[in-house]
C-alpha atoms as a PDB file:
ATOM      1  CA  MET A   1       0.000   0.000   0.000  1.00  0.00           C
ATOM      2  CA  SER A   2       1.561   3.329  -0.983  1.00  0.00           C
ATOM      3  CA  THR A   3       0.986   6.558   0.828  1.00  0.00           C
ATOM      4  CA  PRO A   4      -0.314   9.493  -1.154  1.00  0.00           C
ATOM      5  CA  ALA A   5       2.348  12.065  -1.923  1.00  0.00           C
ATOM      6  CA  LYS A   6       2.033  15.395  -0.207  1.00  0.00           C
ATOM      7  CA  LYS A   7       1.169  18.268  -2.458  1.00  0.00           C
ATOM      8  CA  ALA A   8       4.068  20.639  -2.673  1.00  0.00           C
ATOM      9  CA  THR A   9       2.991  23.993  -1.346  1.00  0.00           C
ATOM     10  CA  PRO A  10       4.659  26.901  -3.082  1.00  0.00           C
ATOM     11  CA  GLU A  11       7.216  28.644  -0.927  1.00  0.00           C
ATOM     12  CA  PRO A  12       6.222  32.138   0.134  1.00  0.00           C
ATOM     13  CA  SER A  13       8.064  35.111  -1.273  1.00  0.00           C
ATOM     14  CA  PHE A  14      11.066  36.390   0.661  1.00  0.00           C
ATOM     15  CA  GLU A  15       9.027  39.281   1.997  1.00  0.00           C
ATOM     16  CA  ALA A  16       6.119  37.048   3.025  1.00  0.00           C
ATOM     17  CA  ALA A  17       8.535  34.657   4.765  1.00  0.00           C
ATOM     18  CA  MET A  18      10.112  37.552   6.681  1.00  0.00           C
ATOM     19  CA  ASP A  19       6.671  38.850   7.698  1.00  0.00           C
ATOM     20  CA  ARG A  20       5.707  35.380   8.933  1.00  0.00           C
ATOM     21  CA  LEU A  21       8.981  35.106  10.853  1.00  0.00           C
ATOM     22  CA  GLU A  22       8.263  38.411  12.584  1.00  0.00           C
ATOM     23  CA  ALA A  23       4.785  37.199  13.506  1.00  0.00           C
ATOM     24  CA  ILE A  24       6.218  33.952  14.899  1.00  0.00           C
ATOM     25  CA  VAL A  25       8.757  35.835  17.000  1.00  0.00           C
ATOM     26  CA  ASP A  26       6.038  38.126  18.347  1.00  0.00           C
ATOM     27  CA  GLN A  27       3.893  35.110  19.269  1.00  0.00           C
ATOM     28  CA  MET A  28       6.793  33.339  20.948  1.00  0.00           C
ATOM     29  CA  GLU A  29       7.814  36.433  22.898  1.00  0.00           C
ATOM     30  CA  SER A  30       4.276  36.985  24.163  1.00  0.00           C
ATOM     31  CA  GLY A  31       4.742  34.288  26.772  1.00  0.00           C
ATOM     32  CA  LYS A  32       1.226  33.002  26.175  1.00  0.00           C
ATOM     33  CA  MET A  33       2.096  29.854  24.235  1.00  0.00           C
ATOM     34  CA  VAL A  34       2.388  26.359  25.663  1.00  0.00           C
ATOM     35  CA  LEU A  35       5.618  24.446  25.164  1.00  0.00           C
ATOM     36  CA  GLU A  36       4.308  22.209  22.379  1.00  0.00           C
ATOM     37  CA  GLU A  37       3.064  25.199  20.398  1.00  0.00           C
ATOM     38  CA  LEU A  38       6.421  26.944  20.921  1.00  0.00           C
ATOM     39  CA  ILE A  39       8.200  23.943  19.437  1.00  0.00           C
ATOM     40  CA  VAL A  40       5.872  23.857  16.430  1.00  0.00           C
ATOM     41  CA  ARG A  41       6.408  27.593  15.811  1.00  0.00           C
ATOM     42  CA  TYR A  42      10.169  27.189  16.242  1.00  0.00           C
ATOM     43  CA  GLU A  43      10.225  24.438  13.599  1.00  0.00           C
ATOM     44  CA  GLU A  44       8.175  26.587  11.234  1.00  0.00           C
ATOM     45  CA  GLY A  45      10.505  29.527  11.840  1.00  0.00           C
ATOM     46  CA  MET A  46      13.603  27.451  11.129  1.00  0.00           C
ATOM     47  CA  LYS A  47      12.137  26.303   7.797  1.00  0.00           C
ATOM     48  CA  LEU A  48      11.413  29.925   6.897  1.00  0.00           C
ATOM     49  CA  VAL A  49      14.943  30.978   7.894  1.00  0.00           C
ATOM     50  CA  LYS A  50      16.407  28.258   5.665  1.00  0.00           C
ATOM     51  CA  SER A  51      14.210  29.357   2.775  1.00  0.00           C
ATOM     52  CA  CYS A  52      15.246  33.006   3.230  1.00  0.00           C
ATOM     53  CA  GLN A  53      18.936  32.093   3.420  1.00  0.00           C
ATOM     54  CA  GLU A  54      18.671  30.081   0.209  1.00  0.00           C
ATOM     55  CA  ARG A  55      16.931  32.952  -1.561  1.00  0.00           C
ATOM     56  CA  LEU A  56      19.574  35.431  -0.382  1.00  0.00           C
ATOM     57  CA  ALA A  57      22.390  33.147  -1.523  1.00  0.00           C
ATOM     58  CA  SER A  58      20.724  32.791  -4.912  1.00  0.00           C
ATOM     59  CA  ALA A  59      20.283  36.553  -5.214  1.00  0.00           C
ATOM     60  CA  GLU A  60      23.903  37.157  -4.243  1.00  0.00           C
ATOM     61  CA  GLN A  61      25.057  34.912  -7.072  1.00  0.00           C
ATOM     62  CA  ARG A  62      23.046  36.976  -9.556  1.00  0.00           C
ATOM     63  CA  ILE A  63      24.199  40.393  -8.406  1.00  0.00           C
ATOM     64  CA  GLU A  64      26.306  42.344 -10.823  1.00  0.00           C
ATOM     65  CA  ILE A  65      28.341  45.300  -9.744  1.00  0.00           C
ATOM     66  CA  ILE A  66      28.378  48.324 -12.010  1.00  0.00           C
ATOM     67  CA  THR A  67      31.764  49.992 -12.078  1.00  0.00           C
ATOM     68  CA  ARG A  68      33.337  52.615 -14.274  1.00  0.00           C
ATOM     69  CA  ASN A  69      36.271  51.926 -16.550  1.00  0.00           C
ATOM     70  CA  HIS A  70      39.200  54.292 -17.102  1.00  0.00           C
ATOM     71  CA  ALA A  71      37.108  56.322 -19.574  1.00  0.00           C
ATOM     72  CA  GLY A  72      34.329  56.830 -17.014  1.00  0.00           C
ATOM     73  CA  LYS A  73      31.842  54.622 -18.837  1.00  0.00           C
ATOM     74  CA  PRO A  74      29.768  52.142 -16.823  1.00  0.00           C
ATOM     75  CA  VAL A  75      30.949  48.566 -17.135  1.00  0.00           C
ATOM     76  CA  VAL A  76      29.006  45.601 -15.801  1.00  0.00           C
ATOM     77  CA  GLN A  77      31.163  43.080 -13.999  1.00  0.00           C
ATOM     78  CA  PRO A  78      29.975  39.830 -12.474  1.00  0.00           C
ATOM     79  CA  PHE A  79      29.810  39.778  -8.712  1.00  0.00           C
ATOM     80  CA  GLU A  80      32.659  37.897  -7.086  1.00  0.00           C
ATOM     81  CA  ALA A  81      32.141  36.756  -3.551  1.00  0.00           C
ATOM     82  CA  ALA A  82      34.842  37.789  -1.142  1.00  0.00           C
ATOM     83  CA  ALA A  83      37.629  35.284  -0.900  1.00  0.00           C
ATOM     84  CA  GLU A  84      37.867  33.330   2.298  1.00  0.00           C
ATOM     85  CA  PRO A  85      40.142  34.996   4.816  1.00  0.00           C
ATOM     86  CA  PRO A  86      43.527  33.335   5.068  1.00  0.00           C
ATOM     87  CA  ARG A  87      43.706  30.731   7.762  1.00  0.00           C
ATOM     88  CA  LEU A  88      46.243  31.256  10.435  1.00  0.00           C
ATOM     89  CA  THR A  89      48.631  28.379  10.813  1.00  0.00           C
ATOM     90  CA  PRO A  90      50.345  27.832  14.114  1.00  0.00           C
ATOM     91  CA  ALA A  91      54.018  28.663  14.266  1.00  0.00           C
ATOM     92  CA  PRO A  92      56.297  25.650  14.238  1.00  0.00           C
ATOM     93  CA  LYS A  93      57.210  24.510  17.704  1.00  0.00           C
ATOM     94  CA  GLU A  94      60.757  25.028  18.778  1.00  0.00           C
ATOM     95  CA  SER A  95      62.554  21.925  19.856  1.00  0.00           C
ATOM     96  CA  GLU A  96      64.325  21.807  23.178  1.00  0.00           C
ATOM     97  CA  ASN A  97      67.727  22.163  21.476  1.00  0.00           C
ATOM     98  CA  ASP A  98      66.867  25.314  19.510  1.00  0.00           C
ATOM     99  CA  GLU A  99      68.414  28.462  20.883  1.00  0.00           C
ATOM    100  CA  VAL A 100      67.100  31.919  20.296  1.00  0.00           C
ATOM    101  CA  ARG A 101      69.844  34.536  20.067  1.00  0.00           C
ATOM    102  CA  LEU A 102      69.162  38.220  19.789  1.00  0.00           C
ATOM    103  CA  PHE A 103      72.804  39.280  19.173  1.00  0.00           C
END
């Protein structure tokens, strides 16, 4: 026996998701919700946060920065995400026999 597939509900727009998140936060902060309802709202909020983050990441990939070339004319350049900051590597440990001399 197979279970019927759930109908995919369309995701709300970014703005609608943010509005719903604000409403959820207001409800949760009211202090009038029982624990089970708080958990349900928290789960809903986390799904909305994930959706918003995905939409923002997608939008960031599509952004183009308009700059001016040496002649002052606008030039469209693709957006390049900032490179990851260099990772600090620990300094090599000095062995017991290494001497440090200043002069």
